Amino acid sequence: MRPSRLPFPQPLDKAALGVMLVAALFTLLLLWGGDRTHAQVRYFTWQNRDIGADDRAFILAFNRLMDWSSVTQHLRIEPPLAGKASWSGRRFAYTLTQPIPYGQTFQLSLDEAVSVPQGKPMQAFQGQFRSRDRVLVYLGSGVEEGRLILYNLTLQQKTFLSPPNLRVFDFQPYPAGDRILFSASERGEQMSFDPQLYTVTTGLHFNAPDRPRRQPRPIGELSLILDNSDYQNLRFQLANDGSKIVVQRVNRLQPMESSLWLLDRNFQPRRLNQAAAGDFRIAPDNQHLIIAQGQGLAIVPLVPESKETAFDFLPQYGMVLDFSRDGRKVAVVKFNPNFSRSLYVVNIFGTHEELLTVNGSILAAQFDPSAEHLYVILTRIEGDETYREVPYLGLFDLKTKQLYKLKDFAPQQDLYLSLSPDGRTLAVDYAEGHSSPDTIDNSDLYGDTAPLEGSPDLLGELPTPDTSEAPPRSEQPQPQQHQIWLFPLELNQDKITVGMPEPLAPGLQARWLP
């Protein structure tokens, strides 16, 4: 039996052939007329985000290849932000050369840039972002003694974070700025140091780039994370990433037993096999602990699988003052046999640079964001018969190794400095009971430092707070009043100019939120 033939073409074949003919026709039209859609920005990584000092670059992604010179030429940011342009494929990156100034809103616009190879103008783009608020946290002084206080300079708002029944001794902000870790004890008739560890929310949340958006928690939510029932809690350190806390504790049943304890993210304490003899701090890698022991520093791992730290050659020094923001430099103090002290900067490559040697003290140091300058508080010895140390504020240019003396303070030891994350404001506190800082002569140099040339103008005398409306003085002794002063800093390429300081509020240990 012969098979029957199917008629040709079948309906399905006709439909397929029609689709192919239409597709071919559209392809020919596109090849003849080209793609007539305009180039445009597909996404902007900083759109409606809160930018911090660690955010150094944004990306504009396009739907077409662009003439990058025209993009660079027509990109506008108001207020201006200095930076460098780069690109790859359809992505354009702009890297800031200085940290973004805090407390400002920025507008970004781009139009008239052209695509390649057509050379057609792009669709105009408008973007907006803002930098984080300028926020200080400090301990109250005078009538506010022992209160933990948040001061938002951007909004000009002052808020008490700790309740009145707690006396706060020390604190450290979490890296996101949403919480504060602090030690405090209940207030009583007698001053006692038997603190517990708490966290408190700041009410702030910054929507950083590349992170999920979420709403801030209410301000002032207090949580007890480590009590003092079996151990007395002394010093503590919070890791840079907020993942760990190390606490020095003393056993109440065996007071001679002092040890270090590690708290994880869930605040579960675990005793470390490490005695606590001196100061300690967590290294920038968040995996090692640096402990002052005798005349040197010991570096021990916090977790068994920790690799060697970049700073495994610090044992010859006696104290760590500060790490640079990128963790590649550390400022340390060396205690010399003749009782003098030397300030060094050491980098991860093992280079040791001595900045100066003093017969007084080296109280504090902090790198600026570029790690090319170091702010310091030093003391010099005055008086032949009466020994006294006079502290002063200085600035080291680490490229030239020059020390610029900025301010002289009355004899005291309780100075504290904190540099804002954008590097544009320095907070310093001192006791008002002493005389106001005086100007120091540019040629009055300590040690063997050569006379300075081209140093910034030295500051005048700090203004005296207005006391015309102050109540009459009581015959009872008053608590020592500390005052926080803000030094404005102007960044001009490699030069820093220091302006006249302004008083902020009574307080001490002021620290900027990240």
Protein backbone atom coordinates (compact mmCIF):
# COMPACT_ATOMS: atom_id res chain seq x y z
CA MET A 1 0.00 0.00 0.00
CA ARG A 2 1.49 3.30 -1.03
CA PRO A 3 1.75 5.98 1.67
CA SER A 4 -0.39 9.00 1.13
CA ARG A 5 1.34 12.29 0.53
CA LEU A 6 0.75 15.25 2.83
CA PRO A 7 -0.02 18.45 1.05
CA PHE A 8 2.77 21.03 1.14
CA PRO A 9 3.12 23.47 2.72
CA GLN A 10 1.26 22.73 5.95
CA PRO A 11 -0.31 25.58 8.03
CA LEU A 12 2.37 25.27 10.73
CA ASP A 13 5.07 25.59 8.12
CA LYS A 14 3.42 28.68 6.73
CA ALA A 15 3.32 30.33 10.17
CA ALA A 16 6.98 29.58 10.83
CA LEU A 17 7.99 30.94 7.46
CA GLY A 18 6.03 34.13 8.11
CA VAL A 19 7.73 34.71 11.46
CA MET A 20 11.12 34.24 9.87
CA LEU A 21 10.32 36.74 7.11
CA VAL A 22 9.11 39.36 9.65
CA ALA A 23 12.22 38.89 11.81
CA ALA A 24 14.44 39.26 8.78
CA LEU A 25 12.61 42.44 7.79
CA PHE A 26 13.06 44.01 11.25
CA THR A 27 16.74 43.06 11.25
CA LEU A 28 17.22 44.83 7.91
CA LEU A 29 15.39 47.92 9.21
CA LEU A 30 17.60 48.08 12.33
CA LEU A 31 20.75 47.67 10.27
CA TRP A 32 19.60 50.40 7.93
CA GLY A 33 18.27 52.89 10.49
CA GLY A 34 20.38 52.06 13.53
CA ASP A 35 19.29 52.04 17.17
CA ARG A 36 17.49 55.33 17.75
CA THR A 37 17.10 55.06 21.56
CA HIS A 38 19.04 57.59 23.64
CA ALA A 39 21.85 56.61 25.97
CA GLN A 40 20.87 56.90 29.61
CA VAL A 41 22.04 56.12 33.13
CA ARG A 42 20.70 52.74 34.24
CA TYR A 43 21.66 53.12 37.92
CA PHE A 44 23.66 55.35 40.28
CA THR A 45 25.15 53.59 43.31
CA TRP A 46 24.83 56.61 45.63
CA GLN A 47 21.26 57.54 44.70
CA ASN A 48 19.40 58.68 47.87
CA ARG A 49 22.08 57.10 50.08
CA ASP A 50 23.94 58.33 53.18
CA ILE A 51 27.64 58.50 52.40
CA GLY A 52 30.36 58.08 55.02
CA ALA A 53 34.11 58.59 55.07
CA ASP A 54 34.73 54.96 54.02
CA ASP A 55 32.66 55.40 50.85
CA ARG A 56 35.22 56.67 48.40
CA ALA A 57 33.74 56.03 44.91
CA PHE A 58 30.39 55.93 43.10
CA ILE A 59 29.47 54.21 39.83
CA LEU A 60 27.22 55.33 36.98
CA ALA A 61 26.12 52.42 34.77
CA PHE A 62 24.90 53.22 31.23
CA ASN A 63 22.86 51.29 28.67
CA ARG A 64 25.29 52.27 25.90
CA LEU A 65 29.00 52.66 25.43
CA MET A 66 29.83 56.30 26.12
CA ASP A 67 32.41 58.84 25.11
CA TRP A 68 34.02 58.93 28.56
CA SER A 69 35.79 62.24 27.98
CA SER A 70 32.39 63.86 27.39
CA VAL A 71 31.00 62.20 30.55
CA THR A 72 33.92 63.55 32.59
CA GLN A 73 33.52 67.00 31.06
CA HIS A 74 29.78 67.34 31.73
CA LEU A 75 29.50 65.65 35.12
CA ARG A 76 28.47 68.18 37.79
CA ILE A 77 28.37 67.74 41.58
CA GLU A 78 27.08 70.51 43.84
CA PRO A 79 28.67 71.28 46.25
CA PRO A 80 31.81 70.20 44.36
CA LEU A 81 33.70 67.05 45.35
CA ALA A 82 37.25 66.65 44.08
CA GLY A 83 37.91 63.27 42.53
CA LYS A 84 39.31 61.17 39.70
CA ALA A 85 37.38 59.51 36.85
CA SER A 86 37.84 55.99 35.50
CA TRP A 87 35.74 53.60 33.44
CA SER A 88 35.37 50.04 32.24
CA GLY A 89 32.85 48.76 29.70
CA ARG A 90 29.63 50.67 30.30
CA ARG A 91 30.47 51.67 33.88
CA PHE A 92 31.90 55.02 34.93
CA ALA A 93 33.55 55.40 38.36
CA TYR A 94 34.34 58.61 40.24
CA THR A 95 36.76 58.25 43.18
CA LEU A 96 36.97 61.03 45.78
CA THR A 97 40.44 62.28 46.59
CA GLN A 98 39.31 63.42 50.06
CA PRO A 99 36.65 62.07 52.44
CA ILE A 100 33.23 63.54 51.80
CA PRO A 101 32.42 66.46 54.16
CA TYR A 102 29.75 65.44 56.64
CA GLY A 103 26.37 67.11 57.15
CA GLN A 104 25.67 68.12 53.53
CA THR A 105 23.28 67.22 50.69
CA PHE A 106 24.69 66.86 47.15
CA GLN A 107 23.15 67.11 43.69
CA LEU A 108 24.64 65.22 40.74
CA SER A 109 23.71 66.08 37.15
CA LEU A 110 24.86 64.75 33.79
CA ASP A 111 23.65 65.82 30.35
CA GLU A 112 25.08 66.55 26.88
CA ALA A 113 27.45 63.58 27.16
CA VAL A 114 27.40 61.46 24.01
CA SER A 115 27.45 57.76 23.22
CA VAL A 116 29.77 55.97 20.80
CA PRO A 117 29.98 55.33 17.95
CA GLN A 118 26.78 57.25 17.06
CA GLY A 119 27.76 60.39 18.97
CA LYS A 120 24.17 60.92 20.11
CA PRO A 121 23.49 63.03 23.22
CA MET A 122 22.34 61.11 26.28
CA GLN A 123 19.12 61.53 28.22
CA ALA A 124 19.72 64.05 31.03
CA PHE A 125 20.20 62.51 34.48
CA GLN A 126 19.70 64.00 37.95
CA GLY A 127 20.83 62.28 41.16
CA GLN A 128 20.94 63.14 44.84
CA PHE A 129 22.81 61.85 47.88
CA ARG A 130 23.82 63.14 51.29
CA SER A 131 26.67 62.67 53.71
CA ARG A 132 26.20 61.43 57.26
CA ASP A 133 25.35 63.84 60.05
CA ARG A 134 28.12 65.37 62.15
CA VAL A 135 27.56 63.65 65.49
CA LEU A 136 29.59 63.63 68.72
CA VAL A 137 29.06 61.41 71.75
CA TYR A 138 30.62 62.45 75.06
CA LEU A 139 30.39 62.23 78.83
CA GLY A 140 28.70 65.09 80.60
CA SER A 141 30.59 67.34 82.99
CA GLY A 142 29.53 69.47 85.94
CA VAL A 143 25.79 69.10 86.63
CA GLU A 144 25.61 66.53 83.78
CA GLU A 145 28.46 64.46 85.21
CA GLY A 146 28.35 60.79 84.23
CA ARG A 147 25.61 61.12 81.59
CA LEU A 148 26.21 59.76 78.10
CA ILE A 149 25.23 62.52 75.67
CA LEU A 150 24.77 62.60 71.89
CA TYR A 151 25.14 65.94 70.12
CA ASN A 152 24.04 66.13 66.46
CA LEU A 153 25.81 69.19 65.10
CA THR A 154 24.04 68.92 61.75
CA LEU A 155 20.61 69.18 63.38
CA GLN A 156 21.84 71.12 66.45
CA GLN A 157 20.21 68.57 68.75
CA LYS A 158 21.45 67.36 72.12
CA THR A 159 20.13 64.07 73.52
CA PHE A 160 20.83 62.12 76.72
CA LEU A 161 21.44 58.46 75.90
CA SER A 162 21.92 57.02 79.39
CA PRO A 163 19.31 57.22 82.17
CA PRO A 164 19.92 59.48 85.21
CA ASN A 165 20.43 56.52 87.57
CA LEU A 166 23.59 55.36 85.76
CA ARG A 167 27.06 56.89 86.00
CA VAL A 168 28.94 56.17 82.76
CA PHE A 169 32.70 55.61 82.93
CA ASP A 170 33.73 54.74 79.37
CA PHE A 171 32.12 54.13 75.97
CA GLN A 172 32.85 53.17 72.36
CA PRO A 173 30.57 53.66 69.32
CA TYR A 174 29.67 50.76 67.03
CA PRO A 175 30.92 51.16 63.44
CA ALA A 176 27.42 51.78 62.02
CA GLY A 177 26.78 54.56 64.56
CA ASP A 178 23.46 53.00 65.57
CA ARG A 179 24.59 51.84 69.04
CA ILE A 180 27.01 52.77 71.80
CA LEU A 181 28.78 50.27 74.06
CA PHE A 182 29.43 51.68 77.53
CA SER A 183 30.31 50.75 81.09
CA ALA A 184 28.29 52.22 83.97
CA SER A 185 27.27 51.62 87.56
CA GLU A 186 24.28 52.66 89.63
CA ARG A 187 24.58 56.05 91.25
CA GLY A 188 24.75 56.03 95.02
CA GLU A 189 25.73 58.18 97.92
CA GLN A 190 29.32 57.05 97.57
CA MET A 191 31.35 57.02 94.38
CA SER A 192 31.99 53.38 93.44
CA PHE A 193 33.57 51.78 90.40
CA ASP A 194 31.74 48.51 89.84
CA PRO A 195 30.38 48.82 86.31
CA GLN A 196 28.28 46.61 84.10
CA LEU A 197 28.37 46.69 80.30
CA TYR A 198 25.43 48.07 78.34
CA THR A 199 24.47 48.98 74.80
CA VAL A 200 22.17 51.87 73.94
CA THR A 201 20.67 52.84 70.59
CA THR A 202 21.40 56.28 69.14
CA GLY A 203 18.27 56.51 67.00
CA LEU A 204 20.50 56.93 63.94
CA HIS A 205 20.74 54.71 60.89
CA PHE A 206 22.62 55.68 57.77
CA ASN A 207 21.53 53.97 54.55
CA ALA A 208 24.97 53.16 53.20
CA PRO A 209 25.53 52.15 49.55
CA ASP A 210 25.21 48.44 48.70
CA ARG A 211 23.36 47.67 51.93
CA PRO A 212 19.65 46.93 52.45
CA ARG A 213 17.58 49.89 53.52
CA ARG A 214 16.04 49.73 56.97
CA GLN A 215 14.51 52.06 59.50
CA PRO A 216 16.45 53.19 62.59
CA ARG A 217 15.62 51.76 65.97
CA PRO A 218 14.16 54.18 68.55
CA ILE A 219 16.67 56.21 70.50
CA GLY A 220 17.64 55.19 74.04
CA GLU A 221 16.91 51.44 73.94
CA LEU A 222 19.09 50.15 76.79
CA SER A 223 20.38 46.55 76.99
CA LEU A 224 22.50 44.97 79.71
CA ILE A 225 25.06 42.67 78.05
CA LEU A 226 27.47 41.80 80.90
CA ASP A 227 26.63 41.96 84.60
CA ASN A 228 28.98 42.22 87.59
CA SER A 229 27.58 39.47 89.79
CA ASP A 230 30.60 37.14 89.74
CA TYR A 231 33.27 39.37 88.23
CA GLN A 232 34.22 43.02 88.40
CA ASN A 233 34.38 44.47 84.90
CA LEU A 234 37.27 46.84 84.23
CA ARG A 235 38.52 47.95 80.83
CA PHE A 236 36.96 46.87 77.54
CA GLN A 237 37.63 47.17 73.81
CA LEU A 238 35.23 46.91 70.87
CA ALA A 239 36.48 45.50 67.55
CA ASN A 240 36.47 47.84 64.55
CA ASP A 241 33.76 45.78 62.85
CA GLY A 242 31.68 45.48 66.04
CA SER A 243 31.93 41.67 66.01
CA LYS A 244 33.86 41.22 69.28
CA ILE A 245 34.31 42.77 72.70
CA VAL A 246 37.27 42.05 74.97
CA VAL A 247 36.79 42.80 78.67
CA GLN A 248 39.21 42.71 81.58
CA ARG A 249 37.51 41.05 84.57
CA VAL A 250 38.45 40.31 88.18
CA ASN A 251 37.09 37.26 90.00
CA ARG A 252 35.20 38.39 93.13
CA LEU A 253 36.12 35.20 95.01
CA GLN A 254 39.78 35.48 94.02
CA PRO A 255 40.57 39.21 93.69
CA MET A 256 44.15 38.53 92.56
CA GLU A 257 42.82 36.76 89.47
CA SER A 258 42.51 39.17 86.54
CA SER A 259 41.83 37.79 83.08
CA LEU A 260 40.51 38.76 79.66
CA TRP A 261 37.15 37.62 78.34
CA LEU A 262 35.86 37.58 74.77
CA LEU A 263 32.22 38.38 73.93
CA ASP A 264 30.91 37.44 70.48
CA ARG A 265 28.06 39.05 68.55
CA ASN A 266 25.56 37.30 70.85
CA PHE A 267 27.42 38.67 73.92
CA GLN A 268 28.30 35.19 75.17
CA PRO A 269 31.43 35.57 77.38
CA ARG A 270 34.34 33.17 76.93
CA ARG A 271 37.46 33.37 79.06
CA LEU A 272 40.73 33.79 77.18
CA ASN A 273 43.88 32.07 78.28
CA GLN A 274 45.57 35.42 78.70
CA ALA A 275 46.44 37.49 81.76
CA ALA A 276 45.56 41.17 81.73
CA ALA A 277 48.55 43.13 83.04
CA GLY A 278 48.36 46.33 81.00
CA ASP A 279 46.47 48.21 78.32
CA PHE A 280 45.11 46.24 75.38
CA ARG A 281 43.32 46.85 72.10
CA ILE A 282 41.97 44.79 69.23
CA ALA A 283 44.06 44.95 66.04
CA PRO A 284 42.52 46.29 62.78
CA ASP A 285 42.11 42.73 61.44
CA ASN A 286 39.66 42.06 64.33
CA GLN A 287 41.41 38.72 64.89
CA HIS A 288 44.28 39.65 67.20
CA LEU A 289 44.76 41.37 70.53
CA ILE A 290 47.66 43.72 71.29
CA ILE A 291 48.55 43.74 74.99
CA ALA A 292 51.06 45.92 76.81
CA GLN A 293 53.30 43.69 78.92
CA GLY A 294 56.17 45.24 80.82
CA GLN A 295 58.26 47.18 78.32
CA GLY A 296 56.82 45.56 75.20
CA LEU A 297 53.69 44.56 73.31
CA ALA A 298 52.37 41.04 72.95
CA ILE A 299 50.20 40.11 69.96
CA VAL A 300 47.95 37.13 70.59
CA PRO A 301 45.18 35.58 68.42
CA LEU A 302 41.58 35.90 69.54
CA VAL A 303 40.46 32.82 67.61
CA PRO A 304 42.53 29.65 67.05
CA GLU A 305 42.42 29.86 63.25
CA SER A 306 43.77 33.43 63.17
CA LYS A 307 46.59 34.01 60.72
CA GLU A 308 49.66 36.07 61.54
CA THR A 309 48.90 39.74 61.92
CA ALA A 310 50.59 42.37 59.76
CA PHE A 311 52.08 43.96 62.91
CA ASP A 312 53.89 40.98 64.38
CA PHE A 313 57.05 43.08 64.95
CA LEU A 314 55.80 45.49 67.66
CA PRO A 315 57.20 43.84 70.83
CA GLN A 316 59.91 46.48 71.20
CA TYR A 317 57.28 49.20 71.84
CA GLY A 318 55.31 49.86 74.99
CA MET A 319 52.03 51.44 73.90
CA VAL A 320 49.78 51.65 70.83
CA LEU A 321 48.22 55.08 70.25
CA ASP A 322 46.33 54.73 66.97
CA PHE A 323 46.01 52.80 63.72
CA SER A 324 45.49 54.49 60.37
CA ARG A 325 42.07 54.04 58.81
CA ASP A 326 43.35 51.48 56.27
CA GLY A 327 45.19 49.58 59.02
CA ARG A 328 48.55 49.94 57.27
CA LYS A 329 50.21 52.25 59.82
CA VAL A 330 50.34 52.36 63.59
CA ALA A 331 51.55 55.11 65.95
CA VAL A 332 53.40 53.64 68.94
CA VAL A 333 55.43 54.79 71.93
CA LYS A 334 58.81 53.42 72.94
CA PHE A 335 59.87 53.72 76.59
CA ASN A 336 63.61 54.36 76.68
CA PRO A 337 66.05 53.30 79.45
CA ASN A 338 66.76 56.97 80.33
CA PHE A 339 63.01 57.47 81.07
CA SER A 340 62.42 59.45 77.89
CA ARG A 341 59.74 58.45 75.38
CA SER A 342 59.93 58.18 71.61
CA LEU A 343 57.08 58.43 69.13
CA TYR A 344 57.27 56.08 66.13
CA VAL A 345 55.14 55.34 63.09
CA VAL A 346 55.40 51.74 61.88
CA ASN A 347 53.88 50.37 58.67
CA ILE A 348 52.93 46.84 57.62
CA PHE A 349 56.18 46.50 55.66
CA GLY A 350 58.20 46.74 58.86
CA THR A 351 59.48 50.30 58.36
CA HIS A 352 60.04 52.08 61.69
CA GLU A 353 60.15 55.88 61.56
CA GLU A 354 61.01 57.83 64.70
CA LEU A 355 59.26 61.20 64.83
CA LEU A 356 60.64 62.62 68.08
CA THR A 357 61.90 61.86 71.59
CA VAL A 358 60.60 63.75 74.62
CA ASN A 359 61.41 63.85 78.31
CA GLY A 360 57.74 64.51 79.04
CA SER A 361 54.80 62.33 78.02
CA ILE A 362 53.08 61.29 74.81
CA LEU A 363 49.41 61.33 75.78
CA ALA A 364 47.51 60.77 72.53
CA ALA A 365 47.84 60.56 68.76
CA GLN A 366 45.44 60.14 65.86
CA PHE A 367 46.01 59.80 62.13
CA ASP A 368 44.08 61.94 59.70
CA PRO A 369 42.06 60.06 57.01
CA SER A 370 44.94 60.19 54.51
CA ALA A 371 47.44 58.83 57.09
CA GLU A 372 49.81 61.61 55.98
CA HIS A 373 49.35 63.70 59.13
CA LEU A 374 49.29 62.80 62.81
CA TYR A 375 47.64 64.90 65.52
CA VAL A 376 49.35 64.53 68.90
CA ILE A 377 49.10 65.68 72.49
CA LEU A 378 52.56 65.88 74.05
CA THR A 379 53.97 67.38 77.24
CA ARG A 380 57.15 69.27 77.96
CA ILE A 381 58.81 69.68 81.36
CA GLU A 382 58.97 73.15 82.87
CA GLY A 383 60.39 74.52 86.13
CA ASP A 384 63.71 73.94 87.84
CA GLU A 385 62.56 73.42 91.41
CA THR A 386 58.89 72.61 90.77
CA TYR A 387 58.41 69.78 88.29
CA ARG A 388 55.42 70.16 86.04
CA GLU A 389 54.39 68.86 82.65
CA VAL A 390 52.77 71.29 80.22
CA PRO A 391 50.69 69.63 77.49
CA TYR A 392 50.32 70.98 73.99
CA LEU A 393 48.52 70.04 70.79
CA GLY A 394 50.65 69.41 67.71
CA LEU A 395 50.40 68.25 64.12
CA PHE A 396 53.03 66.07 62.42
CA ASP A 397 53.48 66.20 58.67
CA LEU A 398 54.58 62.59 58.12
CA LYS A 399 56.08 63.38 54.72
CA THR A 400 58.43 66.10 55.94
CA LYS A 401 58.64 64.87 59.58
CA GLN A 402 57.90 68.43 60.74
CA LEU A 403 56.00 69.15 63.93
CA TYR A 404 53.63 72.13 63.92
CA LYS A 405 52.67 73.24 67.41
CA LEU A 406 49.08 74.40 67.49
CA LYS A 407 48.07 75.00 71.09
CA ASP A 408 49.58 75.16 74.55
CA PHE A 409 47.47 74.10 77.54
CA ALA A 410 47.80 74.69 81.26
CA PRO A 411 49.50 71.91 83.25
CA GLN A 412 47.14 68.93 83.38
CA GLN A 413 47.00 65.33 82.23
CA ASP A 414 43.35 64.81 81.32
CA LEU A 415 43.27 66.02 77.71
CA TYR A 416 41.47 64.05 75.03
CA LEU A 417 41.30 64.48 71.25
CA SER A 418 39.09 63.03 68.54
CA LEU A 419 39.28 63.77 64.81
CA SER A 420 36.04 63.74 62.83
CA PRO A 421 35.77 60.97 60.20
CA ASP A 422 35.89 63.51 57.36
CA GLY A 423 39.07 65.03 58.82
CA ARG A 424 37.60 68.52 59.03
CA THR A 425 37.04 69.06 62.76
CA LEU A 426 39.17 68.21 65.78
CA ALA A 427 37.45 67.90 69.17
CA VAL A 428 39.61 68.55 72.27
CA ASP A 429 38.46 68.72 75.88
CA TYR A 430 40.19 70.21 78.90
CA ALA A 431 39.29 71.27 82.44
CA GLU A 432 37.92 74.81 82.72
CA GLY A 433 39.42 75.16 86.19
CA HIS A 434 42.77 75.78 84.52
CA SER A 435 43.73 78.89 82.64
CA SER A 436 42.87 79.12 78.97
CA PRO A 437 45.46 77.78 76.53
CA ASP A 438 48.03 80.32 75.43
CA THR A 439 49.70 80.83 72.12
CA ILE A 440 53.12 79.19 71.91
CA ASP A 441 56.00 80.67 70.03
CA ASN A 442 56.89 79.06 66.71
CA SER A 443 60.55 78.78 67.70
CA ASP A 444 59.76 77.09 71.02
CA LEU A 445 60.49 73.59 69.80
CA TYR A 446 60.88 70.47 71.86
CA GLY A 447 63.91 68.22 71.60
CA ASP A 448 66.11 68.36 68.53
CA THR A 449 63.45 69.41 66.03
CA ALA A 450 64.62 72.14 63.65
CA PRO A 451 62.80 75.49 63.52
CA LEU A 452 59.65 75.26 61.44
CA GLU A 453 59.25 77.06 58.16
CA GLY A 454 55.93 77.80 56.56
CA SER A 455 53.98 76.55 59.55
CA PRO A 456 50.30 77.47 59.77
CA ASP A 457 49.31 80.52 61.76
CA LEU A 458 49.25 79.67 65.46
CA LEU A 459 45.97 80.08 67.24
CA GLY A 460 45.20 82.89 69.59
CA GLU A 461 43.96 82.54 73.13
CA LEU A 462 40.79 80.50 73.62
CA PRO A 463 37.82 82.72 74.47
CA THR A 464 36.59 82.60 78.03
CA PRO A 465 33.02 81.29 78.43
CA ASP A 466 30.42 83.97 79.23
CA THR A 467 29.63 83.88 82.95
CA SER A 468 27.57 87.08 83.16
CA GLU A 469 24.39 85.07 83.68
CA ALA A 470 25.96 82.46 85.93
CA PRO A 471 24.48 81.97 89.42
CA PRO A 472 26.52 83.05 92.46
CA ARG A 473 29.27 80.64 93.42
CA SER A 474 28.52 78.25 96.25
CA GLU A 475 30.91 77.79 99.14
CA GLN A 476 30.68 74.04 98.56
CA PRO A 477 33.39 72.52 96.32
CA GLN A 478 32.13 72.16 92.75
CA PRO A 479 32.99 69.28 90.41
CA GLN A 480 35.70 70.06 87.89
CA GLN A 481 34.15 71.39 84.69
CA HIS A 482 35.48 70.08 81.41
CA GLN A 483 34.80 71.93 78.18
CA ILE A 484 34.78 70.52 74.64
CA TRP A 485 36.33 72.72 71.96
CA LEU A 486 36.02 72.21 68.20
CA PHE A 487 38.97 73.13 65.98
CA PRO A 488 37.87 73.63 62.33
CA LEU A 489 40.34 72.22 59.80
CA GLU A 490 40.62 73.28 56.17
CA LEU A 491 42.03 70.66 53.78
CA ASN A 492 43.91 72.09 50.80
CA GLN A 493 45.63 69.24 48.97
CA ASP A 494 48.60 68.35 51.22
CA LYS A 495 48.17 71.34 53.56
CA ILE A 496 45.97 71.57 56.65
CA THR A 497 44.98 74.98 58.01
CA VAL A 498 43.69 75.14 61.59
CA GLY A 499 41.07 77.75 62.44
CA MET A 500 40.05 79.35 65.73
CA PRO A 501 38.39 76.86 68.10
CA GLU A 502 34.81 77.23 69.25
CA PRO A 503 33.29 75.92 72.51
CA LEU A 504 30.67 73.20 72.09
CA ALA A 505 29.44 72.07 75.51
CA PRO A 506 30.63 71.05 78.97
CA GLY A 507 31.91 67.49 78.63
CA LEU A 508 34.84 65.17 78.17
CA GLN A 509 36.03 62.22 76.08
CA ALA A 510 34.16 63.45 73.03
CA ARG A 511 34.18 60.91 70.20
CA TRP A 512 32.83 61.31 66.69
CA LEU A 513 30.43 58.77 65.28
CA PRO A 514 31.82 57.07 62.11
